[in-house]
Amino acid sequence: MEFIADTLDDALLQLYPQLLKAPKVDGATRGSNRELRGVTVEIMKPRARLSRTETRGKPFSALGELLWYLSKDNQLDFIVPFVPAYKTESDDGKTVYGGYGPRLFRQRGQDQIANVLKLLSNRPTTRRALIQIFNAEDLSGHRSEIPCTTTLQFLQRDGKLEMITTMRSNDAYKGLPHDVFCFTMLQEMLARTLSYDIGPYRHFAGSMHLYDDNCDDAVRLTEEGFQSRIEMPSMPNGDPWPSIAHVMSALEEIRSGQAVDASALGLDPYWSDLIRLLQVFAATGNQTAIADLRQAMTSDCYKYYIDSRTNLPMKDRFGGQASS
């Protein structure tokens, strides 16, 4: 089954009604669910990666997960403030075995991101620019969780970098919006590194499913009706990795309680706004600080999400049990 849409929201509004009437599957690890098999979601405007719906418009945890990947590590304490549910996926209370960071950047001693960039630089139309996430050894032993993503493929066509993500299994409500955000951001990072624009994003799942616990949420989403369609700004031209390093450093300073002035870091406003989003997350419950950060935002596309943080308690921040 194929769903083609301009934006993430448009794709969800097509997908969820079909899942809600799909056959029920019992016996899954995380409970009963409704499942569609062999699903492709194609998003023509990958920068429209942020949902505007009341129930799925949550960029803070998605940004946190992206930065977790880019940390090149799988430490539990990095991701838990953004997504507390990862606690259940740790076997040792310190790491997440299936975390993507090490698999992207140091898989058996291989930096797969660097390898793909080098290959695409030397052979722009190659079909070999593929990153392996799922490994043969993931099926051996007893692990709490193993990766849902199997491969990421990048194709340069007509001066644009396209991406195809393949999943063995995909939670359509909690997982898919995060996946689209993280992977299309990675797509745009690689595109900018190679001086390309971003092309369509395709997302294939062997099992696309909606758990019983989220069926009512999916119904509410579909009943919200039309949401204004927005895109994130274009990532600046040129090598993004030095700026990404600044964002990572700023995150550590924010988490340690240091004051960070995103405007003084010499970054393009695109990256400064991402730092401000992290500061908004940390400042939850401090309405004065959030109002100041909202005013400082360069792009208007984030203000809707910032406004959603103004009435949350102080505990929902770094070090608490935040999930946004």
C-alpha atoms as a PDB file:
ATOM      1  CA  MET A   1       0.000   0.000   0.000  1.00  0.00           C
ATOM      2  CA  GLU A   2       1.372   3.404  -0.967  1.00  0.00           C
ATOM      3  CA  PHE A   3       0.668   6.852   0.480  1.00  0.00           C
ATOM      4  CA  ILE A   4       2.022   9.891  -1.382  1.00  0.00           C
ATOM      5  CA  ALA A   5       1.729  13.322   0.213  1.00  0.00           C
ATOM      6  CA  ASP A   6       3.416  16.712   0.280  1.00  0.00           C
ATOM      7  CA  THR A   7       3.789  16.832   4.069  1.00  0.00           C
ATOM      8  CA  LEU A   8       4.055  14.582   7.116  1.00  0.00           C
ATOM      9  CA  ASP A   9       0.579  15.607   8.264  1.00  0.00           C
ATOM     10  CA  ASP A  10      -0.961  14.838   4.885  1.00  0.00           C
ATOM     11  CA  ALA A  11       0.649  11.394   5.005  1.00  0.00           C
ATOM     12  CA  LEU A  12      -0.645  10.692   8.525  1.00  0.00           C
ATOM     13  CA  LEU A  13      -4.148  11.767   7.554  1.00  0.00           C
ATOM     14  CA  GLN A  14      -4.070   9.209   4.742  1.00  0.00           C
ATOM     15  CA  LEU A  15      -2.413   6.429   6.717  1.00  0.00           C
ATOM     16  CA  TYR A  16      -4.292   6.429  10.016  1.00  0.00           C
ATOM     17  CA  PRO A  17      -7.807   5.813   8.641  1.00  0.00           C
ATOM     18  CA  GLN A  18      -6.487   2.793   6.753  1.00  0.00           C
ATOM     19  CA  LEU A  19      -4.766   1.443   9.856  1.00  0.00           C
ATOM     20  CA  LEU A  20      -7.858   1.949  12.001  1.00  0.00           C
ATOM     21  CA  LYS A  21      -9.802  -0.447   9.791  1.00  0.00           C
ATOM     22  CA  ALA A  22      -6.905  -2.870   9.244  1.00  0.00           C
ATOM     23  CA  PRO A  23      -6.922  -6.438  10.626  1.00  0.00           C
ATOM     24  CA  LYS A  24      -5.958  -6.879  14.243  1.00  0.00           C
ATOM     25  CA  VAL A  25      -2.758  -8.712  15.208  1.00  0.00           C
ATOM     26  CA  ASP A  26      -2.402 -10.272  18.655  1.00  0.00           C
ATOM     27  CA  GLY A  27       0.721 -11.553  20.358  1.00  0.00           C
ATOM     28  CA  ALA A  28       3.121  -8.727  19.453  1.00  0.00           C
ATOM     29  CA  THR A  29       5.789  -7.778  22.000  1.00  0.00           C
ATOM     30  CA  ARG A  30       4.144  -4.458  22.830  1.00  0.00           C
ATOM     31  CA  GLY A  31       0.532  -5.567  22.613  1.00  0.00           C
ATOM     32  CA  SER A  32      -2.310  -5.947  20.172  1.00  0.00           C
ATOM     33  CA  ASN A  33      -2.268  -3.729  17.118  1.00  0.00           C
ATOM     34  CA  ARG A  34      -3.765  -3.121  13.725  1.00  0.00           C
ATOM     35  CA  GLU A  35      -1.341  -3.803  10.910  1.00  0.00           C
ATOM     36  CA  LEU A  36      -0.741  -3.007   7.262  1.00  0.00           C
ATOM     37  CA  ARG A  37       2.067  -4.872   5.539  1.00  0.00           C
ATOM     38  CA  GLY A  38       4.352  -3.584   2.817  1.00  0.00           C
ATOM     39  CA  VAL A  39       3.569   0.126   3.314  1.00  0.00           C
ATOM     40  CA  THR A  40       5.360   2.951   1.510  1.00  0.00           C
ATOM     41  CA  VAL A  41       4.985   6.563   2.622  1.00  0.00           C
ATOM     42  CA  GLU A  42       6.396   9.106   0.173  1.00  0.00           C
ATOM     43  CA  ILE A  43       6.787  12.721   1.269  1.00  0.00           C
ATOM     44  CA  MET A  44       7.424  15.129  -1.573  1.00  0.00           C
ATOM     45  CA  LYS A  45       8.361  18.094   0.628  1.00  0.00           C
ATOM     46  CA  PRO A  46      10.614  16.569   3.309  1.00  0.00           C
ATOM     47  CA  ARG A  47      11.118  19.909   5.080  1.00  0.00           C
ATOM     48  CA  ALA A  48       7.418  19.688   6.040  1.00  0.00           C
ATOM     49  CA  ARG A  49       8.577  17.180   8.654  1.00  0.00           C
ATOM     50  CA  LEU A  50       6.884  18.760  11.669  1.00  0.00           C
ATOM     51  CA  SER A  51       3.298  17.823  12.384  1.00  0.00           C
ATOM     52  CA  ARG A  52       0.881  20.648  13.133  1.00  0.00           C
ATOM     53  CA  THR A  53      -1.685  18.378  14.783  1.00  0.00           C
ATOM     54  CA  GLU A  54      -2.516  18.792  18.455  1.00  0.00           C
ATOM     55  CA  THR A  55      -1.525  15.215  19.244  1.00  0.00           C
ATOM     56  CA  ARG A  56       1.597  14.751  17.102  1.00  0.00           C
ATOM     57  CA  GLY A  57       3.105  18.248  16.963  1.00  0.00           C
ATOM     58  CA  LYS A  58       6.127  17.443  19.121  1.00  0.00           C
ATOM     59  CA  PRO A  59       9.433  18.680  17.708  1.00  0.00           C
ATOM     60  CA  PHE A  60      11.413  18.778  20.947  1.00  0.00           C
ATOM     61  CA  SER A  61      11.716  15.019  21.467  1.00  0.00           C
ATOM     62  CA  ALA A  62      12.330  14.489  17.744  1.00  0.00           C
ATOM     63  CA  LEU A  63      15.190  17.012  17.805  1.00  0.00           C
ATOM     64  CA  GLY A  64      16.548  15.328  20.916  1.00  0.00           C
ATOM     65  CA  GLU A  65      16.515  11.949  19.197  1.00  0.00           C
ATOM     66  CA  LEU A  66      18.274  13.346  16.140  1.00  0.00           C
ATOM     67  CA  LEU A  67      21.022  14.811  18.327  1.00  0.00           C
ATOM     68  CA  TRP A  68      21.306  11.469  20.106  1.00  0.00           C
ATOM     69  CA  TYR A  69      22.099   9.852  16.755  1.00  0.00           C
ATOM     70  CA  LEU A  70      24.592  12.607  15.972  1.00  0.00           C
ATOM     71  CA  SER A  71      26.294  12.113  19.340  1.00  0.00           C
ATOM     72  CA  LYS A  72      27.613   8.870  17.789  1.00  0.00           C
ATOM     73  CA  ASP A  73      26.743   7.085  21.002  1.00  0.00           C
ATOM     74  CA  ASN A  74      23.862   5.147  22.558  1.00  0.00           C
ATOM     75  CA  GLN A  75      23.968   6.451  26.129  1.00  0.00           C
ATOM     76  CA  LEU A  76      20.621   6.211  27.904  1.00  0.00           C
ATOM     77  CA  ASP A  77      21.079   9.390  29.947  1.00  0.00           C
ATOM     78  CA  PHE A  78      21.305  11.449  26.742  1.00  0.00           C
ATOM     79  CA  ILE A  79      17.888  10.469  25.376  1.00  0.00           C
ATOM     80  CA  VAL A  80      15.772   9.858  28.518  1.00  0.00           C
ATOM     81  CA  PRO A  81      15.019  13.561  29.188  1.00  0.00           C
ATOM     82  CA  PHE A  82      13.583  13.779  25.672  1.00  0.00           C
ATOM     83  CA  VAL A  83      11.991  10.313  25.440  1.00  0.00           C
ATOM     84  CA  PRO A  84      11.612   8.615  28.860  1.00  0.00           C
ATOM     85  CA  ALA A  85      10.239   5.436  27.254  1.00  0.00           C
ATOM     86  CA  TYR A  86      13.772   4.502  26.218  1.00  0.00           C
ATOM     87  CA  LYS A  87      14.340   3.358  29.809  1.00  0.00           C
ATOM     88  CA  THR A  88      12.430   0.211  28.947  1.00  0.00           C
ATOM     89  CA  GLU A  89      14.785  -0.502  26.033  1.00  0.00           C
ATOM     90  CA  SER A  90      18.003  -0.610  28.044  1.00  0.00           C
ATOM     91  CA  ASP A  91      19.472  -3.931  29.122  1.00  0.00           C
ATOM     92  CA  ASP A  92      22.056  -2.446  31.485  1.00  0.00           C
ATOM     93  CA  GLY A  93      20.493   0.844  32.608  1.00  0.00           C
ATOM     94  CA  LYS A  94      23.261   2.766  30.845  1.00  0.00           C
ATOM     95  CA  THR A  95      22.987   2.173  27.111  1.00  0.00           C
ATOM     96  CA  VAL A  96      20.397   1.288  24.465  1.00  0.00           C
ATOM     97  CA  TYR A  97      21.643  -1.666  22.450  1.00  0.00           C
ATOM     98  CA  GLY A  98      19.680  -0.680  19.336  1.00  0.00           C
ATOM     99  CA  GLY A  99      20.676   3.013  19.468  1.00  0.00           C
ATOM    100  CA  TYR A 100      21.516   4.301  16.002  1.00  0.00           C
ATOM    101  CA  GLY A 101      24.463   6.570  16.831  1.00  0.00           C
ATOM    102  CA  PRO A 102      27.178   3.902  16.959  1.00  0.00           C
ATOM    103  CA  ARG A 103      25.630   2.091  13.997  1.00  0.00           C
ATOM    104  CA  LEU A 104      25.744   5.213  11.839  1.00  0.00           C
ATOM    105  CA  PHE A 105      29.211   6.420  12.758  1.00  0.00           C
ATOM    106  CA  ARG A 106      31.259   3.495  14.083  1.00  0.00           C
ATOM    107  CA  GLN A 107      29.727   0.265  12.916  1.00  0.00           C
ATOM    108  CA  ARG A 108      32.510  -2.338  13.235  1.00  0.00           C
ATOM    109  CA  GLY A 109      35.010   0.483  12.859  1.00  0.00           C
ATOM    110  CA  GLN A 110      33.225   2.003   9.877  1.00  0.00           C
ATOM    111  CA  ASP A 111      31.863   5.555   9.729  1.00  0.00           C
ATOM    112  CA  GLN A 112      28.957   4.791   7.426  1.00  0.00           C
ATOM    113  CA  ILE A 113      28.010   8.454   7.028  1.00  0.00           C
ATOM    114  CA  ALA A 114      31.534   9.327   5.878  1.00  0.00           C
ATOM    115  CA  ASN A 115      31.604   6.316   3.565  1.00  0.00           C
ATOM    116  CA  VAL A 116      28.333   7.295   1.890  1.00  0.00           C
ATOM    117  CA  LEU A 117      29.455  10.909   1.462  1.00  0.00           C
ATOM    118  CA  LYS A 118      32.726   9.809  -0.121  1.00  0.00           C
ATOM    119  CA  LEU A 119      30.963   7.405  -2.451  1.00  0.00           C
ATOM    120  CA  LEU A 120      28.399   9.982  -3.581  1.00  0.00           C
ATOM    121  CA  SER A 121      31.172  12.539  -4.117  1.00  0.00           C
ATOM    122  CA  ASN A 122      33.093  10.165  -6.360  1.00  0.00           C
ATOM    123  CA  ARG A 123      30.133   8.523  -8.088  1.00  0.00           C
ATOM    124  CA  PRO A 124      27.103  10.845  -7.837  1.00  0.00           C
ATOM    125  CA  THR A 125      24.588   8.453  -9.425  1.00  0.00           C
ATOM    126  CA  THR A 126      25.703   5.364  -7.512  1.00  0.00           C
ATOM    127  CA  ARG A 127      23.140   2.921  -6.155  1.00  0.00           C
ATOM    128  CA  ARG A 128      25.546   1.717  -3.469  1.00  0.00           C
ATOM    129  CA  ALA A 129      25.143   4.628  -1.024  1.00  0.00           C
ATOM    130  CA  LEU A 130      23.475   2.544   1.649  1.00  0.00           C
ATOM    131  CA  ILE A 131      23.789   2.504   5.431  1.00  0.00           C
ATOM    132  CA  GLN A 132      23.097  -0.708   7.335  1.00  0.00           C
ATOM    133  CA  ILE A 133      21.375  -0.306  10.698  1.00  0.00           C
ATOM    134  CA  PHE A 134      20.073  -3.813  11.381  1.00  0.00           C
ATOM    135  CA  ASN A 135      22.785  -6.455  11.825  1.00  0.00           C
ATOM    136  CA  ALA A 136      22.784 -10.248  11.628  1.00  0.00           C
ATOM    137  CA  GLU A 137      23.821 -10.482  15.287  1.00  0.00           C
ATOM    138  CA  ASP A 138      20.729  -8.538  16.359  1.00  0.00           C
ATOM    139  CA  LEU A 139      18.776 -11.794  16.125  1.00  0.00           C
ATOM    140  CA  SER A 140      21.149 -13.644  18.421  1.00  0.00           C
ATOM    141  CA  GLY A 141      21.042 -13.455  22.193  1.00  0.00           C
ATOM    142  CA  HIS A 142      18.337 -11.849  24.297  1.00  0.00           C
ATOM    143  CA  ARG A 143      17.925  -8.118  23.881  1.00  0.00           C
ATOM    144  CA  SER A 144      15.130  -5.900  25.193  1.00  0.00           C
ATOM    145  CA  GLU A 145      14.885  -4.189  21.811  1.00  0.00           C
ATOM    146  CA  ILE A 146      16.546  -4.404  18.413  1.00  0.00           C
ATOM    147  CA  PRO A 147      16.517  -1.753  15.660  1.00  0.00           C
ATOM    148  CA  CYS A 148      13.322  -1.267  13.699  1.00  0.00           C
ATOM    149  CA  THR A 149      15.239   0.375  10.851  1.00  0.00           C
ATOM    150  CA  THR A 150      17.125  -1.943   8.505  1.00  0.00           C
ATOM    151  CA  THR A 151      18.742   0.369   5.924  1.00  0.00           C
ATOM    152  CA  LEU A 152      19.028   3.974   4.765  1.00  0.00           C
ATOM    153  CA  GLN A 153      19.697   4.535   1.058  1.00  0.00           C
ATOM    154  CA  PHE A 154      20.674   7.788  -0.638  1.00  0.00           C
ATOM    155  CA  LEU A 155      20.247   8.448  -4.361  1.00  0.00           C
ATOM    156  CA  GLN A 156      21.350  11.568  -6.223  1.00  0.00           C
ATOM    157  CA  ARG A 157      19.029  12.214  -9.124  1.00  0.00           C
ATOM    158  CA  ASP A 158      18.608  15.441 -11.112  1.00  0.00           C
ATOM    159  CA  GLY A 159      20.734  17.420  -8.674  1.00  0.00           C
ATOM    160  CA  LYS A 160      18.701  16.394  -5.627  1.00  0.00           C
ATOM    161  CA  LEU A 161      19.478  13.889  -2.910  1.00  0.00           C
ATOM    162  CA  GLU A 162      16.638  11.437  -2.393  1.00  0.00           C
ATOM    163  CA  MET A 163      16.376   9.031   0.520  1.00  0.00           C
ATOM    164  CA  ILE A 164      14.753   5.641   1.056  1.00  0.00           C
ATOM    165  CA  THR A 165      14.360   4.284   4.577  1.00  0.00           C
ATOM    166  CA  THR A 166      13.478   0.618   5.040  1.00  0.00           C
ATOM    167  CA  MET A 167      11.946  -0.579   8.300  1.00  0.00           C
ATOM    168  CA  ARG A 168      11.218  -4.121   9.424  1.00  0.00           C
ATOM    169  CA  SER A 169       8.609  -2.722  11.828  1.00  0.00           C
ATOM    170  CA  ASN A 170       7.146   0.747  12.421  1.00  0.00           C
ATOM    171  CA  ASP A 171       4.868   2.117  15.116  1.00  0.00           C
ATOM    172  CA  ALA A 172       2.743   4.498  13.056  1.00  0.00           C
ATOM    173  CA  TYR A 173       1.737   6.721  15.964  1.00  0.00           C
ATOM    174  CA  LYS A 174       4.785   7.095  18.208  1.00  0.00           C
ATOM    175  CA  GLY A 175       7.569   6.057  15.855  1.00  0.00           C
ATOM    176  CA  LEU A 176       6.771   7.271  12.351  1.00  0.00           C
ATOM    177  CA  PRO A 177       6.683  11.052  13.049  1.00  0.00           C
ATOM    178  CA  HIS A 178      10.029  10.837  14.858  1.00  0.00           C
ATOM    179  CA  ASP A 179      11.523   8.716  12.106  1.00  0.00           C
ATOM    180  CA  VAL A 180      10.454  11.120   9.376  1.00  0.00           C
ATOM    181  CA  PHE A 181      11.897  14.079  11.270  1.00  0.00           C
ATOM    182  CA  CYS A 182      15.240  12.449  12.090  1.00  0.00           C
ATOM    183  CA  PHE A 183      15.834  10.808   8.744  1.00  0.00           C
ATOM    184  CA  THR A 184      14.816  13.768   6.589  1.00  0.00           C
ATOM    185  CA  MET A 185      17.082  15.988   8.680  1.00  0.00           C
ATOM    186  CA  LEU A 186      19.903  13.520   8.051  1.00  0.00           C
ATOM    187  CA  GLN A 187      18.968  13.525   4.368  1.00  0.00           C
ATOM    188  CA  GLU A 188      19.236  17.303   4.243  1.00  0.00           C
ATOM    189  CA  MET A 189      22.555  17.279   6.116  1.00  0.00           C
ATOM    190  CA  LEU A 190      24.065  14.930   3.565  1.00  0.00           C
ATOM    191  CA  ALA A 191      22.516  16.878   0.692  1.00  0.00           C
ATOM    192  CA  ARG A 192      24.061  20.125   1.905  1.00  0.00           C
ATOM    193  CA  THR A 193      27.431  18.460   2.463  1.00  0.00           C
ATOM    194  CA  LEU A 194      27.369  17.407  -1.188  1.00  0.00           C
ATOM    195  CA  SER A 195      25.967  20.766  -2.430  1.00  0.00           C
ATOM    196  CA  TYR A 196      22.632  19.258  -3.486  1.00  0.00           C
ATOM    197  CA  ASP A 197      19.079  20.213  -2.704  1.00  0.00           C
ATOM    198  CA  ILE A 198      16.819  17.750  -0.919  1.00  0.00           C
ATOM    199  CA  GLY A 199      14.613  15.458  -2.996  1.00  0.00           C
ATOM    200  CA  PRO A 200      11.644  13.233  -2.087  1.00  0.00           C
ATOM    201  CA  TYR A 201      11.738  11.033   1.004  1.00  0.00           C
ATOM    202  CA  ARG A 202      10.415   7.467   0.818  1.00  0.00           C
ATOM    203  CA  HIS A 203       9.733   5.367   3.900  1.00  0.00           C
ATOM    204  CA  PHE A 204       8.977   1.647   3.576  1.00  0.00           C
ATOM    205  CA  ALA A 205       7.775  -0.578   6.426  1.00  0.00           C
ATOM    206  CA  GLY A 206       7.317  -4.332   6.263  1.00  0.00           C
ATOM    207  CA  SER A 207       4.889  -4.015   9.177  1.00  0.00           C
ATOM    208  CA  MET A 208       3.239  -0.625   9.719  1.00  0.00           C
ATOM    209  CA  HIS A 209       1.094  -0.885  12.809  1.00  0.00           C
ATOM    210  CA  LEU A 210      -1.045   1.074  15.240  1.00  0.00           C
ATOM    211  CA  TYR A 211      -1.221  -0.210  18.808  1.00  0.00           C
ATOM    212  CA  ASP A 212      -4.603  -0.472  20.503  1.00  0.00           C
ATOM    213  CA  ASP A 213      -3.477   2.066  23.128  1.00  0.00           C
ATOM    214  CA  ASN A 214      -3.079   4.714  20.410  1.00  0.00           C
ATOM    215  CA  CYS A 215      -6.198   4.069  18.325  1.00  0.00           C
ATOM    216  CA  ASP A 216      -8.217   6.776  20.079  1.00  0.00           C
ATOM    217  CA  ASP A 217      -5.333   9.214  19.604  1.00  0.00           C
ATOM    218  CA  ALA A 218      -5.230   8.411  15.896  1.00  0.00           C
ATOM    219  CA  VAL A 219      -8.987   9.001  15.633  1.00  0.00           C
ATOM    220  CA  ARG A 220      -8.631  12.388  17.319  1.00  0.00           C
ATOM    221  CA  LEU A 221      -5.847  13.311  14.917  1.00  0.00           C
ATOM    222  CA  THR A 222      -7.945  12.496  11.882  1.00  0.00           C
ATOM    223  CA  GLU A 223     -10.861  14.443  13.340  1.00  0.00           C
ATOM    224  CA  GLU A 224      -8.781  17.594  13.768  1.00  0.00           C
ATOM    225  CA  GLY A 225      -9.190  18.173  10.055  1.00  0.00           C
ATOM    226  CA  PHE A 226      -7.041  20.487   8.010  1.00  0.00           C
ATOM    227  CA  GLN A 227      -3.905  21.882   9.598  1.00  0.00           C
ATOM    228  CA  SER A 228      -1.883  24.713   8.104  1.00  0.00           C
ATOM    229  CA  ARG A 229       1.000  23.258   6.121  1.00  0.00           C
ATOM    230  CA  ILE A 230       4.414  24.556   7.120  1.00  0.00           C
ATOM    231  CA  GLU A 231       7.967  23.675   6.166  1.00  0.00           C
ATOM    232  CA  MET A 232      11.106  24.158   8.174  1.00  0.00           C
ATOM    233  CA  PRO A 233      13.492  26.660   6.580  1.00  0.00           C
ATOM    234  CA  SER A 234      16.059  25.330   4.147  1.00  0.00           C
ATOM    235  CA  MET A 235      19.251  24.183   5.795  1.00  0.00           C
ATOM    236  CA  PRO A 236      22.007  26.689   4.889  1.00  0.00           C
ATOM    237  CA  ASN A 237      24.247  25.912   1.944  1.00  0.00           C
ATOM    238  CA  GLY A 238      27.698  24.564   2.677  1.00  0.00           C
ATOM    239  CA  ASP A 239      29.158  22.037   5.093  1.00  0.00           C
ATOM    240  CA  PRO A 240      26.694  21.678   8.017  1.00  0.00           C
ATOM    241  CA  TRP A 241      28.904  19.610  10.312  1.00  0.00           C
ATOM    242  CA  PRO A 242      30.778  22.456  12.067  1.00  0.00           C
ATOM    243  CA  SER A 243      27.434  24.053  12.914  1.00  0.00           C
ATOM    244  CA  ILE A 244      26.076  20.711  14.119  1.00  0.00           C
ATOM    245  CA  ALA A 245      29.070  20.474  16.456  1.00  0.00           C
ATOM    246  CA  HIS A 246      28.162  23.903  17.876  1.00  0.00           C
ATOM    247  CA  VAL A 247      24.573  22.756  18.468  1.00  0.00           C
ATOM    248  CA  MET A 248      25.830  19.652  20.269  1.00  0.00           C
ATOM    249  CA  SER A 249      28.130  21.743  22.453  1.00  0.00           C
ATOM    250  CA  ALA A 250      25.322  24.179  23.219  1.00  0.00           C
ATOM    251  CA  LEU A 251      23.110  21.284  24.307  1.00  0.00           C
ATOM    252  CA  GLU A 252      25.708  20.166  26.845  1.00  0.00           C
ATOM    253  CA  GLU A 253      25.985  23.707  28.209  1.00  0.00           C
ATOM    254  CA  ILE A 254      22.198  24.040  28.467  1.00  0.00           C
ATOM    255  CA  ARG A 255      21.957  20.734  30.285  1.00  0.00           C
ATOM    256  CA  SER A 256      24.603  21.798  32.770  1.00  0.00           C
ATOM    257  CA  GLY A 257      22.673  24.965  33.558  1.00  0.00           C
ATOM    258  CA  GLN A 258      24.962  27.397  31.747  1.00  0.00           C
ATOM    259  CA  ALA A 259      23.597  30.472  30.015  1.00  0.00           C
ATOM    260  CA  VAL A 260      23.788  30.232  26.229  1.00  0.00           C
ATOM    261  CA  ASP A 261      23.298  33.157  23.853  1.00  0.00           C
ATOM    262  CA  ALA A 262      22.564  31.511  20.508  1.00  0.00           C
ATOM    263  CA  SER A 263      22.866  34.852  18.715  1.00  0.00           C
ATOM    264  CA  ALA A 264      26.469  35.272  19.858  1.00  0.00           C
ATOM    265  CA  LEU A 265      27.798  31.986  18.482  1.00  0.00           C
ATOM    266  CA  GLY A 266      28.323  33.225  14.936  1.00  0.00           C
ATOM    267  CA  LEU A 267      25.965  30.620  13.479  1.00  0.00           C
ATOM    268  CA  ASP A 268      23.461  30.926  10.682  1.00  0.00           C
ATOM    269  CA  PRO A 269      20.016  31.742  12.173  1.00  0.00           C
ATOM    270  CA  TYR A 270      18.832  28.266  11.122  1.00  0.00           C
ATOM    271  CA  TRP A 271      21.141  26.636  13.670  1.00  0.00           C
ATOM    272  CA  SER A 272      20.604  29.320  16.292  1.00  0.00           C
ATOM    273  CA  ASP A 273      16.882  28.590  16.210  1.00  0.00           C
ATOM    274  CA  LEU A 274      17.524  24.898  16.893  1.00  0.00           C
ATOM    275  CA  ILE A 275      19.576  25.863  19.942  1.00  0.00           C
ATOM    276  CA  ARG A 276      16.714  28.091  21.102  1.00  0.00           C
ATOM    277  CA  LEU A 277      14.325  25.141  20.779  1.00  0.00           C
ATOM    278  CA  LEU A 278      16.569  23.192  23.147  1.00  0.00           C
ATOM    279  CA  GLN A 279      16.541  26.156  25.518  1.00  0.00           C
ATOM    280  CA  VAL A 280      12.745  26.304  25.381  1.00  0.00           C
ATOM    281  CA  PHE A 281      12.622  22.629  26.326  1.00  0.00           C
ATOM    282  CA  ALA A 282      14.963  23.237  29.258  1.00  0.00           C
ATOM    283  CA  ALA A 283      13.028  26.321  30.366  1.00  0.00           C
ATOM    284  CA  THR A 284       9.613  24.655  30.462  1.00  0.00           C
ATOM    285  CA  GLY A 285       7.600  26.224  33.269  1.00  0.00           C
ATOM    286  CA  ASN A 286       9.560  29.489  33.083  1.00  0.00           C
ATOM    287  CA  GLN A 287       7.169  31.499  30.963  1.00  0.00           C
ATOM    288  CA  THR A 288       9.326  34.640  30.960  1.00  0.00           C
ATOM    289  CA  ALA A 289      12.326  32.762  29.571  1.00  0.00           C
ATOM    290  CA  ILE A 290      10.158  31.014  26.984  1.00  0.00           C
ATOM    291  CA  ALA A 291       8.617  34.304  25.874  1.00  0.00           C
ATOM    292  CA  ASP A 292      12.084  35.802  25.395  1.00  0.00           C
ATOM    293  CA  LEU A 293      13.234  32.794  23.375  1.00  0.00           C
ATOM    294  CA  ARG A 294      10.083  32.896  21.272  1.00  0.00           C
ATOM    295  CA  GLN A 295      10.747  36.550  20.472  1.00  0.00           C
ATOM    296  CA  ALA A 296      14.337  35.761  19.482  1.00  0.00           C
ATOM    297  CA  MET A 297      13.320  33.054  17.002  1.00  0.00           C
ATOM    298  CA  THR A 298      14.231  33.864  13.419  1.00  0.00           C
ATOM    299  CA  SER A 299      11.703  31.508  11.845  1.00  0.00           C
ATOM    300  CA  ASP A 300       8.014  31.724  12.676  1.00  0.00           C
ATOM    301  CA  CYS A 301       7.505  28.015  12.010  1.00  0.00           C
ATOM    302  CA  TYR A 302       8.520  27.044  15.558  1.00  0.00           C
ATOM    303  CA  LYS A 303       6.370  29.497  17.496  1.00  0.00           C
ATOM    304  CA  TYR A 304       3.302  27.241  17.434  1.00  0.00           C
ATOM    305  CA  TYR A 305       5.280  24.548  19.259  1.00  0.00           C
ATOM    306  CA  ILE A 306       6.875  26.980  21.689  1.00  0.00           C
ATOM    307  CA  ASP A 307       3.451  28.211  22.726  1.00  0.00           C
ATOM    308  CA  SER A 308       2.515  24.623  23.615  1.00  0.00           C
ATOM    309  CA  ARG A 309       5.236  24.583  26.303  1.00  0.00           C
ATOM    310  CA  THR A 310       4.139  27.628  28.275  1.00  0.00           C
ATOM    311  CA  ASN A 311       1.737  25.900  30.654  1.00  0.00           C
ATOM    312  CA  LEU A 312       3.724  22.747  31.464  1.00  0.00           C
ATOM    313  CA  PRO A 313       5.167  22.240  34.976  1.00  0.00           C
ATOM    314  CA  MET A 314       8.826  22.759  35.816  1.00  0.00           C
ATOM    315  CA  LYS A 315       9.430  19.006  36.244  1.00  0.00           C
ATOM    316  CA  ASP A 316       8.944  18.505  32.474  1.00  0.00           C
ATOM    317  CA  ARG A 317      12.422  19.619  31.534  1.00  0.00           C
ATOM    318  CA  PHE A 318      15.971  18.237  31.449  1.00  0.00           C
ATOM    319  CA  GLY A 319      16.437  15.974  34.408  1.00  0.00           C
ATOM    320  CA  GLY A 320      12.687  15.390  34.752  1.00  0.00           C
ATOM    321  CA  GLN A 321      10.358  13.110  32.857  1.00  0.00           C
ATOM    322  CA  ALA A 322       9.741  15.278  29.828  1.00  0.00           C
ATOM    323  CA  SER A 323       8.384  13.805  26.648  1.00  0.00           C
ATOM    324  CA  SER A 324       7.437  16.159  23.885  1.00  0.00           C
END
